[in-house]
Amino acid sequence: MDERNAHSIFIRGRKQLIMEGVHHVDSFDESEIILQTNMGAVILKGEGLHITELNLEMGNLTAEGFFTGLQYKESKGKGKGSGKKILKRLFK
């Protein structure tokens, strides 16, 4: 399997996260990191989060902080009106 297509997550003591299969980081701040992986969108939640290493060519991300949650978001498809939902969430 191509390294770029591998997907794995390793969390050490809720303080360090190492992830493979990362395609793109959508946004990040101290409480949330949103990224796209080869298995879909992933939302990382926590406190004092920061990205310590990012190599999109290899698909690797390392982040540190105190992790309180990890969630995969399923794609609802790229159908008609999907952009409206994004705008609605942004302007809540």
C-alpha atoms as a PDB file:
ATOM      1  CA  MET A   1       0.000   0.000   0.000  1.00  0.00           C
ATOM      2  CA  ASP A   2       1.238   3.501  -0.864  1.00  0.00           C
ATOM      3  CA  GLU A   3       2.267   5.412   2.284  1.00  0.00           C
ATOM      4  CA  ARG A   4       0.041   8.339   1.236  1.00  0.00           C
ATOM      5  CA  ASN A   5      -2.971   5.979   1.267  1.00  0.00           C
ATOM      6  CA  ALA A   6      -2.238   4.404   4.654  1.00  0.00           C
ATOM      7  CA  HIS A   7      -4.394   5.629   7.529  1.00  0.00           C
ATOM      8  CA  SER A   8      -3.526   5.260  11.175  1.00  0.00           C
ATOM      9  CA  ILE A   9      -3.876   7.230  14.386  1.00  0.00           C
ATOM     10  CA  PHE A  10      -1.694   6.861  17.438  1.00  0.00           C
ATOM     11  CA  ILE A  11      -2.458   8.795  20.626  1.00  0.00           C
ATOM     12  CA  ARG A  12       0.078   8.769  23.436  1.00  0.00           C
ATOM     13  CA  GLY A  13      -1.350   9.653  26.861  1.00  0.00           C
ATOM     14  CA  ARG A  14      -3.934  12.053  25.354  1.00  0.00           C
ATOM     15  CA  LYS A  15      -1.042  14.512  24.908  1.00  0.00           C
ATOM     16  CA  GLN A  16       0.450  13.571  21.544  1.00  0.00           C
ATOM     17  CA  LEU A  17      -1.285  12.441  18.355  1.00  0.00           C
ATOM     18  CA  ILE A  18       0.406  11.012  15.267  1.00  0.00           C
ATOM     19  CA  MET A  19      -1.752  10.518  12.170  1.00  0.00           C
ATOM     20  CA  GLU A  20      -1.029   9.072   8.722  1.00  0.00           C
ATOM     21  CA  GLY A  21      -3.207   9.515   5.650  1.00  0.00           C
ATOM     22  CA  VAL A  22      -3.713  13.287   6.000  1.00  0.00           C
ATOM     23  CA  HIS A  23      -4.540  15.121   2.769  1.00  0.00           C
ATOM     24  CA  HIS A  24      -5.311  18.649   3.981  1.00  0.00           C
ATOM     25  CA  VAL A  25      -5.748  20.692   7.172  1.00  0.00           C
ATOM     26  CA  ASP A  26      -8.964  22.725   6.856  1.00  0.00           C
ATOM     27  CA  SER A  27      -8.581  24.754  10.045  1.00  0.00           C
ATOM     28  CA  PHE A  28      -6.949  24.674  13.430  1.00  0.00           C
ATOM     29  CA  ASP A  29      -6.839  26.578  16.697  1.00  0.00           C
ATOM     30  CA  GLU A  30      -6.085  25.714  20.318  1.00  0.00           C
ATOM     31  CA  SER A  31      -9.361  23.828  20.790  1.00  0.00           C
ATOM     32  CA  GLU A  32     -10.028  22.157  17.421  1.00  0.00           C
ATOM     33  CA  ILE A  33      -8.185  20.798  14.380  1.00  0.00           C
ATOM     34  CA  ILE A  34     -10.252  19.897  11.296  1.00  0.00           C
ATOM     35  CA  LEU A  35      -8.542  17.900   8.582  1.00  0.00           C
ATOM     36  CA  GLN A  36      -9.232  15.760   5.542  1.00  0.00           C
ATOM     37  CA  THR A  37      -7.861  12.225   5.422  1.00  0.00           C
ATOM     38  CA  ASN A  38      -8.154   9.345   3.020  1.00  0.00           C
ATOM     39  CA  MET A  39     -10.886   8.012   5.352  1.00  0.00           C
ATOM     40  CA  GLY A  40     -12.902  11.261   5.418  1.00  0.00           C
ATOM     41  CA  ALA A  41     -12.965  14.428   7.498  1.00  0.00           C
ATOM     42  CA  VAL A  42     -11.619  14.187  11.045  1.00  0.00           C
ATOM     43  CA  ILE A  43     -12.251  16.638  13.887  1.00  0.00           C
ATOM     44  CA  LEU A  44      -9.803  16.659  16.782  1.00  0.00           C
ATOM     45  CA  LYS A  45     -10.905  18.474  19.944  1.00  0.00           C
ATOM     46  CA  GLY A  46      -8.941  19.416  22.991  1.00  0.00           C
ATOM     47  CA  GLU A  47      -7.114  22.122  24.911  1.00  0.00           C
ATOM     48  CA  GLY A  48      -3.852  23.828  23.981  1.00  0.00           C
ATOM     49  CA  LEU A  49      -3.671  21.989  20.657  1.00  0.00           C
ATOM     50  CA  HIS A  50      -0.893  22.777  18.223  1.00  0.00           C
ATOM     51  CA  ILE A  51       0.491  21.057  15.141  1.00  0.00           C
ATOM     52  CA  THR A  52       4.144  20.203  15.667  1.00  0.00           C
ATOM     53  CA  GLU A  53       4.773  18.475  12.334  1.00  0.00           C
ATOM     54  CA  LEU A  54       2.912  18.431   9.032  1.00  0.00           C
ATOM     55  CA  ASN A  55       4.116  16.691   5.877  1.00  0.00           C
ATOM     56  CA  LEU A  56       1.324  16.563   3.301  1.00  0.00           C
ATOM     57  CA  GLU A  57       3.552  14.856   0.727  1.00  0.00           C
ATOM     58  CA  MET A  58       3.840  11.870   3.063  1.00  0.00           C
ATOM     59  CA  GLY A  59       0.402  12.448   4.631  1.00  0.00           C
ATOM     60  CA  ASN A  60       1.760  12.748   8.191  1.00  0.00           C
ATOM     61  CA  LEU A  61       0.618  15.028  11.004  1.00  0.00           C
ATOM     62  CA  THR A  62       1.824  15.257  14.597  1.00  0.00           C
ATOM     63  CA  ALA A  63      -0.079  17.378  17.107  1.00  0.00           C
ATOM     64  CA  GLU A  64       0.278  18.011  20.819  1.00  0.00           C
ATOM     65  CA  GLY A  65      -1.977  19.321  23.569  1.00  0.00           C
ATOM     66  CA  PHE A  66      -4.665  17.651  25.677  1.00  0.00           C
ATOM     67  CA  PHE A  67      -7.010  15.687  23.409  1.00  0.00           C
ATOM     68  CA  THR A  68     -10.625  15.316  24.518  1.00  0.00           C
ATOM     69  CA  GLY A  69     -12.244  14.010  21.339  1.00  0.00           C
ATOM     70  CA  LEU A  70     -11.768  12.587  17.873  1.00  0.00           C
ATOM     71  CA  GLN A  71     -14.619  12.339  15.404  1.00  0.00           C
ATOM     72  CA  TYR A  72     -14.942  11.187  11.812  1.00  0.00           C
ATOM     73  CA  LYS A  73     -17.471  13.171   9.779  1.00  0.00           C
ATOM     74  CA  GLU A  74     -19.235  11.278   7.033  1.00  0.00           C
ATOM     75  CA  SER A  75     -19.581  13.015   3.708  1.00  0.00           C
ATOM     76  CA  LYS A  76     -23.218  13.565   2.793  1.00  0.00           C
ATOM     77  CA  GLY A  77     -22.323  13.650  -0.883  1.00  0.00           C
ATOM     78  CA  LYS A  78     -21.680  16.467  -3.233  1.00  0.00           C
ATOM     79  CA  GLY A  79     -25.265  16.945  -4.174  1.00  0.00           C
ATOM     80  CA  LYS A  80     -27.359  19.995  -4.784  1.00  0.00           C
ATOM     81  CA  GLY A  81     -27.397  22.434  -1.881  1.00  0.00           C
ATOM     82  CA  SER A  82     -24.412  21.062   0.022  1.00  0.00           C
ATOM     83  CA  GLY A  83     -22.755  24.506  -0.021  1.00  0.00           C
ATOM     84  CA  LYS A  84     -25.769  26.028   1.745  1.00  0.00           C
ATOM     85  CA  LYS A  85     -25.250  23.775   4.763  1.00  0.00           C
ATOM     86  CA  ILE A  86     -21.658  24.931   5.101  1.00  0.00           C
ATOM     87  CA  LEU A  87     -22.666  28.590   4.955  1.00  0.00           C
ATOM     88  CA  LYS A  88     -25.432  28.004   7.484  1.00  0.00           C
ATOM     89  CA  ARG A  89     -22.924  26.459   9.920  1.00  0.00           C
ATOM     90  CA  LEU A  90     -20.463  29.289   9.438  1.00  0.00           C
ATOM     91  CA  PHE A  91     -23.009  32.021  10.136  1.00  0.00           C
ATOM     92  CA  LYS A  92     -24.755  30.456  13.137  1.00  0.00           C
END
